[in-house]
Amino acid sequence: MNKQDRAQLTKAYAMIDEAKSIIEEIAETEQEKFDNLSEGLQQAERGARMEEAASELQDACNALDDVLTIIESAQE
């Protein structure tokens, strides 16, 4: 891998890391909203959707962590 390719990967890494941070923040906010609902509302459809969204967003963060690890390995 040449210097230009490494620079491009570094740029991509930074962009993915920033996207992960944004998604993580939204996931935490959704989870907090869900946690602040009454138990009855948590059991309702809206609560279930909120909890599922938070979970899916956390899954996306985990996947992005994997991508970042792979990029780091490729740069070694």
C-alpha atoms as a PDB file:
ATOM      1  CA  MET A   1       0.000   0.000   0.000  1.00  0.00           C
ATOM      2  CA  ASN A   2       1.448   3.347  -0.974  1.00  0.00           C
ATOM      3  CA  LYS A   3       1.465   6.603   0.960  1.00  0.00           C
ATOM      4  CA  GLN A   4      -1.552   8.003  -0.917  1.00  0.00           C
ATOM      5  CA  ASP A   5      -3.620   4.879  -0.193  1.00  0.00           C
ATOM      6  CA  ARG A   6      -2.693   5.059   3.491  1.00  0.00           C
ATOM      7  CA  ALA A   7      -3.758   8.712   3.587  1.00  0.00           C
ATOM      8  CA  GLN A   8      -7.095   7.833   2.002  1.00  0.00           C
ATOM      9  CA  LEU A   9      -7.625   5.014   4.513  1.00  0.00           C
ATOM     10  CA  THR A  10      -6.791   7.373   7.360  1.00  0.00           C
ATOM     11  CA  LYS A  11      -9.379   9.813   6.035  1.00  0.00           C
ATOM     12  CA  ALA A  12     -11.981   7.032   5.680  1.00  0.00           C
ATOM     13  CA  TYR A  13     -11.185   5.809   9.194  1.00  0.00           C
ATOM     14  CA  ALA A  14     -11.793   9.288  10.623  1.00  0.00           C
ATOM     15  CA  MET A  15     -15.093   9.627   8.770  1.00  0.00           C
ATOM     16  CA  ILE A  16     -16.320   6.215   9.932  1.00  0.00           C
ATOM     17  CA  ASP A  17     -15.237   6.968  13.499  1.00  0.00           C
ATOM     18  CA  GLU A  18     -17.151  10.263  13.411  1.00  0.00           C
ATOM     19  CA  ALA A  19     -20.255   8.541  12.014  1.00  0.00           C
ATOM     20  CA  LYS A  20     -19.988   5.909  14.751  1.00  0.00           C
ATOM     21  CA  SER A  21     -19.868   8.648  17.404  1.00  0.00           C
ATOM     22  CA  ILE A  22     -22.989  10.292  15.989  1.00  0.00           C
ATOM     23  CA  ILE A  23     -24.880   7.000  15.829  1.00  0.00           C
ATOM     24  CA  GLU A  24     -23.745   6.096  19.338  1.00  0.00           C
ATOM     25  CA  GLU A  25     -25.032   9.409  20.682  1.00  0.00           C
ATOM     26  CA  ILE A  26     -28.427   8.881  19.029  1.00  0.00           C
ATOM     27  CA  ALA A  27     -28.599   5.310  20.361  1.00  0.00           C
ATOM     28  CA  GLU A  28     -27.900   6.539  23.884  1.00  0.00           C
ATOM     29  CA  THR A  29     -30.532   9.263  23.563  1.00  0.00           C
ATOM     30  CA  GLU A  30     -33.125   6.737  22.334  1.00  0.00           C
ATOM     31  CA  GLN A  31     -32.279   4.384  25.196  1.00  0.00           C
ATOM     32  CA  GLU A  32     -32.592   7.222  27.713  1.00  0.00           C
ATOM     33  CA  LYS A  33     -35.987   8.195  26.268  1.00  0.00           C
ATOM     34  CA  PHE A  34     -37.127   4.586  26.561  1.00  0.00           C
ATOM     35  CA  ASP A  35     -35.783   4.276  30.115  1.00  0.00           C
ATOM     36  CA  ASN A  36     -37.668   7.420  31.133  1.00  0.00           C
ATOM     37  CA  LEU A  37     -41.016   6.068  29.920  1.00  0.00           C
ATOM     38  CA  SER A  38     -43.415   4.562  32.406  1.00  0.00           C
ATOM     39  CA  GLU A  39     -43.521   0.773  32.445  1.00  0.00           C
ATOM     40  CA  GLY A  40     -46.867   0.844  30.682  1.00  0.00           C
ATOM     41  CA  LEU A  41     -45.538   2.992  27.845  1.00  0.00           C
ATOM     42  CA  GLN A  42     -42.421   0.835  27.593  1.00  0.00           C
ATOM     43  CA  GLN A  43     -44.705  -2.140  26.952  1.00  0.00           C
ATOM     44  CA  ALA A  44     -46.689  -0.244  24.302  1.00  0.00           C
ATOM     45  CA  GLU A  45     -45.856  -0.326  20.591  1.00  0.00           C
ATOM     46  CA  ARG A  46     -44.104   3.038  20.705  1.00  0.00           C
ATOM     47  CA  GLY A  47     -41.883   1.925  23.563  1.00  0.00           C
ATOM     48  CA  ALA A  48     -41.019  -1.288  21.784  1.00  0.00           C
ATOM     49  CA  ARG A  49     -40.053   0.667  18.653  1.00  0.00           C
ATOM     50  CA  MET A  50     -37.862   3.007  20.685  1.00  0.00           C
ATOM     51  CA  GLU A  51     -36.086   0.120  22.381  1.00  0.00           C
ATOM     52  CA  GLU A  52     -35.613  -1.692  19.072  1.00  0.00           C
ATOM     53  CA  ALA A  53     -34.211   1.439  17.412  1.00  0.00           C
ATOM     54  CA  ALA A  54     -31.720   1.912  20.248  1.00  0.00           C
ATOM     55  CA  SER A  55     -30.675  -1.724  19.971  1.00  0.00           C
ATOM     56  CA  GLU A  56     -30.300  -1.603  16.192  1.00  0.00           C
ATOM     57  CA  LEU A  57     -28.250   1.581  16.399  1.00  0.00           C
ATOM     58  CA  GLN A  58     -25.980  -0.057  18.973  1.00  0.00           C
ATOM     59  CA  ASP A  59     -25.600  -3.015  16.609  1.00  0.00           C
ATOM     60  CA  ALA A  60     -24.560  -0.556  13.894  1.00  0.00           C
ATOM     61  CA  CYS A  61     -21.934   0.906  16.241  1.00  0.00           C
ATOM     62  CA  ASN A  62     -20.587  -2.566  16.936  1.00  0.00           C
ATOM     63  CA  ALA A  63     -20.373  -3.256  13.201  1.00  0.00           C
ATOM     64  CA  LEU A  64     -18.531   0.031  12.663  1.00  0.00           C
ATOM     65  CA  ASP A  65     -16.106  -0.947  15.431  1.00  0.00           C
ATOM     66  CA  ASP A  66     -15.375  -4.086  13.436  1.00  0.00           C
ATOM     67  CA  VAL A  67     -14.810  -2.021  10.292  1.00  0.00           C
ATOM     68  CA  LEU A  68     -12.416   0.288  12.129  1.00  0.00           C
ATOM     69  CA  THR A  69     -10.464  -2.694  13.447  1.00  0.00           C
ATOM     70  CA  ILE A  70     -10.195  -4.132   9.937  1.00  0.00           C
ATOM     71  CA  ILE A  71      -8.935  -0.811   8.566  1.00  0.00           C
ATOM     72  CA  GLU A  72      -6.336  -0.631  11.342  1.00  0.00           C
ATOM     73  CA  SER A  73      -5.167  -4.142  10.477  1.00  0.00           C
ATOM     74  CA  ALA A  74      -4.947  -3.309   6.791  1.00  0.00           C
ATOM     75  CA  GLN A  75      -2.744  -0.316   7.516  1.00  0.00           C
ATOM     76  CA  GLU A  76      -0.180  -2.339   9.483  1.00  0.00           C
END
